[in-house]
């Protein structure tokens, strides 16, 4: 139990109740965004931001695009041969990363040989 300093709340209550009440009292639109710092006049967020247009694919979707079983993308992830993101317990691969992987694995065609 902790003592509360807000005048309209009971003097002693559980900390989680205080936390919920403080959140409910915040003005609409306010949130606890990550703090930012300035580097040479440019404001930079502390955490990297993800482009809003980036699409993340599940292992099943990646396997369908590559025309393989689900085991192949999972093996790429396990061997760290492709970048991936953990979203909770799920694994996601960015569309741009998959395109880069396909491009890096593409073998150019040889010029045709003339028949002798």
C-alpha atoms as a PDB file:
ATOM      1  CA  UNK A   1       0.000   0.000   0.000  1.00  0.00           C
ATOM      2  CA  UNK A   2       1.148   3.513  -0.769  1.00  0.00           C
ATOM      3  CA  UNK A   3      -0.074   6.898   0.359  1.00  0.00           C
ATOM      4  CA  UNK A   4      -1.782   8.995  -2.284  1.00  0.00           C
ATOM      5  CA  UNK A   5      -1.154  12.735  -2.611  1.00  0.00           C
ATOM      6  CA  UNK A   6      -4.227  13.508  -4.769  1.00  0.00           C
ATOM      7  CA  UNK A   7      -6.828  15.312  -2.583  1.00  0.00           C
ATOM      8  CA  UNK A   8      -9.942  13.692  -4.075  1.00  0.00           C
ATOM      9  CA  UNK A   9      -8.694  10.096  -3.832  1.00  0.00           C
ATOM     10  CA  UNK A  10      -8.601   7.909  -0.741  1.00  0.00           C
ATOM     11  CA  UNK A  11      -5.395   8.291   1.268  1.00  0.00           C
ATOM     12  CA  UNK A  12      -4.284   4.667   0.927  1.00  0.00           C
ATOM     13  CA  UNK A  13      -4.926   2.430  -2.039  1.00  0.00           C
ATOM     14  CA  UNK A  14      -3.126  -0.048  -4.233  1.00  0.00           C
ATOM     15  CA  UNK A  15      -0.596   1.366  -6.675  1.00  0.00           C
ATOM     16  CA  UNK A  16      -2.314  -0.104  -9.728  1.00  0.00           C
ATOM     17  CA  UNK A  17      -5.576   1.655  -8.879  1.00  0.00           C
ATOM     18  CA  UNK A  18      -3.675   4.947  -8.656  1.00  0.00           C
ATOM     19  CA  UNK A  19      -2.074   4.289 -11.988  1.00  0.00           C
ATOM     20  CA  UNK A  20      -5.412   3.585 -13.694  1.00  0.00           C
ATOM     21  CA  UNK A  21      -6.979   6.685 -12.183  1.00  0.00           C
ATOM     22  CA  UNK A  22      -4.093   8.871 -13.349  1.00  0.00           C
ATOM     23  CA  UNK A  23      -4.392   7.486 -16.849  1.00  0.00           C
ATOM     24  CA  UNK A  24      -8.137   8.152 -16.879  1.00  0.00           C
ATOM     25  CA  UNK A  25      -7.554  11.743 -15.748  1.00  0.00           C
ATOM     26  CA  UNK A  26      -5.179  12.583 -18.586  1.00  0.00           C
ATOM     27  CA  UNK A  27      -6.572  15.005 -21.152  1.00  0.00           C
ATOM     28  CA  UNK A  28      -7.677  13.374 -24.396  1.00  0.00           C
ATOM     29  CA  UNK A  29      -4.923  13.174 -26.956  1.00  0.00           C
ATOM     30  CA  UNK A  30      -2.099  13.150 -24.440  1.00  0.00           C
ATOM     31  CA  UNK A  31       0.028  10.074 -24.200  1.00  0.00           C
ATOM     32  CA  UNK A  32       3.378   9.077 -22.904  1.00  0.00           C
ATOM     33  CA  UNK A  33       5.301   9.107 -26.136  1.00  0.00           C
ATOM     34  CA  UNK A  34       8.974   8.184 -26.057  1.00  0.00           C
ATOM     35  CA  UNK A  35      11.113  11.183 -25.202  1.00  0.00           C
ATOM     36  CA  UNK A  36      13.126  12.782 -27.981  1.00  0.00           C
ATOM     37  CA  UNK A  37      16.584  14.291 -28.061  1.00  0.00           C
ATOM     38  CA  UNK A  38      18.166  16.808 -30.417  1.00  0.00           C
ATOM     39  CA  UNK A  39      21.214  16.081 -32.543  1.00  0.00           C
ATOM     40  CA  UNK A  40      22.609  19.119 -34.402  1.00  0.00           C
ATOM     41  CA  UNK A  41      19.217  20.838 -34.404  1.00  0.00           C
ATOM     42  CA  UNK A  42      17.272  17.766 -35.613  1.00  0.00           C
ATOM     43  CA  UNK A  43      14.839  16.091 -33.233  1.00  0.00           C
ATOM     44  CA  UNK A  44      15.385  12.337 -33.250  1.00  0.00           C
ATOM     45  CA  UNK A  45      13.137   9.826 -31.440  1.00  0.00           C
ATOM     46  CA  UNK A  46      14.938   7.516 -29.011  1.00  0.00           C
ATOM     47  CA  UNK A  47      13.393   4.417 -30.538  1.00  0.00           C
ATOM     48  CA  UNK A  48      13.597   3.731 -34.274  1.00  0.00           C
ATOM     49  CA  UNK A  49      10.356   4.383 -36.101  1.00  0.00           C
ATOM     50  CA  UNK A  50       8.881   2.012 -38.658  1.00  0.00           C
ATOM     51  CA  UNK A  51       7.681   3.469 -41.936  1.00  0.00           C
ATOM     52  CA  UNK A  52       3.857   3.387 -41.918  1.00  0.00           C
ATOM     53  CA  UNK A  53       3.750   1.909 -45.431  1.00  0.00           C
ATOM     54  CA  UNK A  54       5.968  -1.082 -44.608  1.00  0.00           C
ATOM     55  CA  UNK A  55       4.090  -4.387 -44.742  1.00  0.00           C
ATOM     56  CA  UNK A  56       5.157  -7.290 -42.565  1.00  0.00           C
ATOM     57  CA  UNK A  57       4.546 -10.847 -43.708  1.00  0.00           C
ATOM     58  CA  UNK A  58       4.022 -13.998 -41.683  1.00  0.00           C
ATOM     59  CA  UNK A  59       6.120 -17.096 -42.293  1.00  0.00           C
ATOM     60  CA  UNK A  60       3.182 -18.680 -44.101  1.00  0.00           C
ATOM     61  CA  UNK A  61       2.861 -15.682 -46.459  1.00  0.00           C
ATOM     62  CA  UNK A  62       6.610 -15.654 -47.149  1.00  0.00           C
ATOM     63  CA  UNK A  63       6.518 -19.371 -47.951  1.00  0.00           C
ATOM     64  CA  UNK A  64       3.613 -18.808 -50.357  1.00  0.00           C
ATOM     65  CA  UNK A  65       5.449 -15.957 -52.117  1.00  0.00           C
ATOM     66  CA  UNK A  66       8.636 -18.003 -52.447  1.00  0.00           C
ATOM     67  CA  UNK A  67       6.717 -21.127 -53.460  1.00  0.00           C
ATOM     68  CA  UNK A  68       8.237 -23.223 -50.686  1.00  0.00           C
ATOM     69  CA  UNK A  69       7.117 -24.923 -47.513  1.00  0.00           C
ATOM     70  CA  UNK A  70       7.008 -23.000 -44.206  1.00  0.00           C
ATOM     71  CA  UNK A  71      10.172 -24.774 -43.126  1.00  0.00           C
ATOM     72  CA  UNK A  72      12.364 -22.854 -45.618  1.00  0.00           C
ATOM     73  CA  UNK A  73      11.658 -19.316 -44.283  1.00  0.00           C
ATOM     74  CA  UNK A  74      11.921 -20.652 -40.732  1.00  0.00           C
ATOM     75  CA  UNK A  75      15.352 -22.060 -41.578  1.00  0.00           C
ATOM     76  CA  UNK A  76      16.408 -18.701 -43.061  1.00  0.00           C
ATOM     77  CA  UNK A  77      15.354 -17.048 -39.800  1.00  0.00           C
ATOM     78  CA  UNK A  78      17.062 -19.677 -37.652  1.00  0.00           C
ATOM     79  CA  UNK A  79      20.328 -19.315 -39.603  1.00  0.00           C
ATOM     80  CA  UNK A  80      19.999 -15.494 -39.492  1.00  0.00           C
ATOM     81  CA  UNK A  81      20.200 -15.303 -43.290  1.00  0.00           C
ATOM     82  CA  UNK A  82      17.239 -12.894 -43.447  1.00  0.00           C
ATOM     83  CA  UNK A  83      16.200 -10.005 -41.200  1.00  0.00           C
ATOM     84  CA  UNK A  84      13.055 -10.529 -39.154  1.00  0.00           C
ATOM     85  CA  UNK A  85      11.001  -8.898 -36.424  1.00  0.00           C
ATOM     86  CA  UNK A  86       9.549 -10.473 -33.296  1.00  0.00           C
ATOM     87  CA  UNK A  87       6.021  -9.227 -32.624  1.00  0.00           C
ATOM     88  CA  UNK A  88       5.248 -10.881 -29.327  1.00  0.00           C
ATOM     89  CA  UNK A  89       5.649 -14.568 -30.029  1.00  0.00           C
ATOM     90  CA  UNK A  90       5.111 -14.101 -33.770  1.00  0.00           C
ATOM     91  CA  UNK A  91       7.840 -13.702 -36.360  1.00  0.00           C
ATOM     92  CA  UNK A  92       7.367 -11.245 -39.222  1.00  0.00           C
ATOM     93  CA  UNK A  93       9.495 -10.406 -42.251  1.00  0.00           C
ATOM     94  CA  UNK A  94       9.270  -6.992 -43.899  1.00  0.00           C
ATOM     95  CA  UNK A  95       8.245  -6.912 -47.543  1.00  0.00           C
ATOM     96  CA  UNK A  96      11.328  -4.817 -48.403  1.00  0.00           C
ATOM     97  CA  UNK A  97      13.611  -7.341 -46.686  1.00  0.00           C
ATOM     98  CA  UNK A  98      12.033 -10.210 -48.649  1.00  0.00           C
ATOM     99  CA  UNK A  99      12.499  -8.287 -51.912  1.00  0.00           C
ATOM    100  CA  UNK A 100      16.145  -7.606 -51.026  1.00  0.00           C
ATOM    101  CA  UNK A 101      16.681 -11.302 -50.238  1.00  0.00           C
ATOM    102  CA  UNK A 102      15.132 -12.375 -53.559  1.00  0.00           C
ATOM    103  CA  UNK A 103      17.268  -9.821 -55.420  1.00  0.00           C
ATOM    104  CA  UNK A 104      20.452 -10.985 -53.688  1.00  0.00           C
ATOM    105  CA  UNK A 105      19.690 -14.614 -54.534  1.00  0.00           C
ATOM    106  CA  UNK A 106      18.853 -13.962 -58.198  1.00  0.00           C
ATOM    107  CA  UNK A 107      21.415 -15.442 -60.580  1.00  0.00           C
ATOM    108  CA  UNK A 108      21.886 -13.489 -63.842  1.00  0.00           C
ATOM    109  CA  UNK A 109      21.478 -15.343 -67.128  1.00  0.00           C
ATOM    110  CA  UNK A 110      24.508 -16.196 -69.230  1.00  0.00           C
ATOM    111  CA  UNK A 111      24.782 -14.806 -72.742  1.00  0.00           C
ATOM    112  CA  UNK A 112      23.736 -17.309 -75.377  1.00  0.00           C
ATOM    113  CA  UNK A 113      26.560 -19.215 -77.083  1.00  0.00           C
ATOM    114  CA  UNK A 114      26.758 -19.449 -80.816  1.00  0.00           C
ATOM    115  CA  UNK A 115      26.529 -22.858 -82.368  1.00  0.00           C
ATOM    116  CA  UNK A 116      29.795 -23.864 -84.084  1.00  0.00           C
END
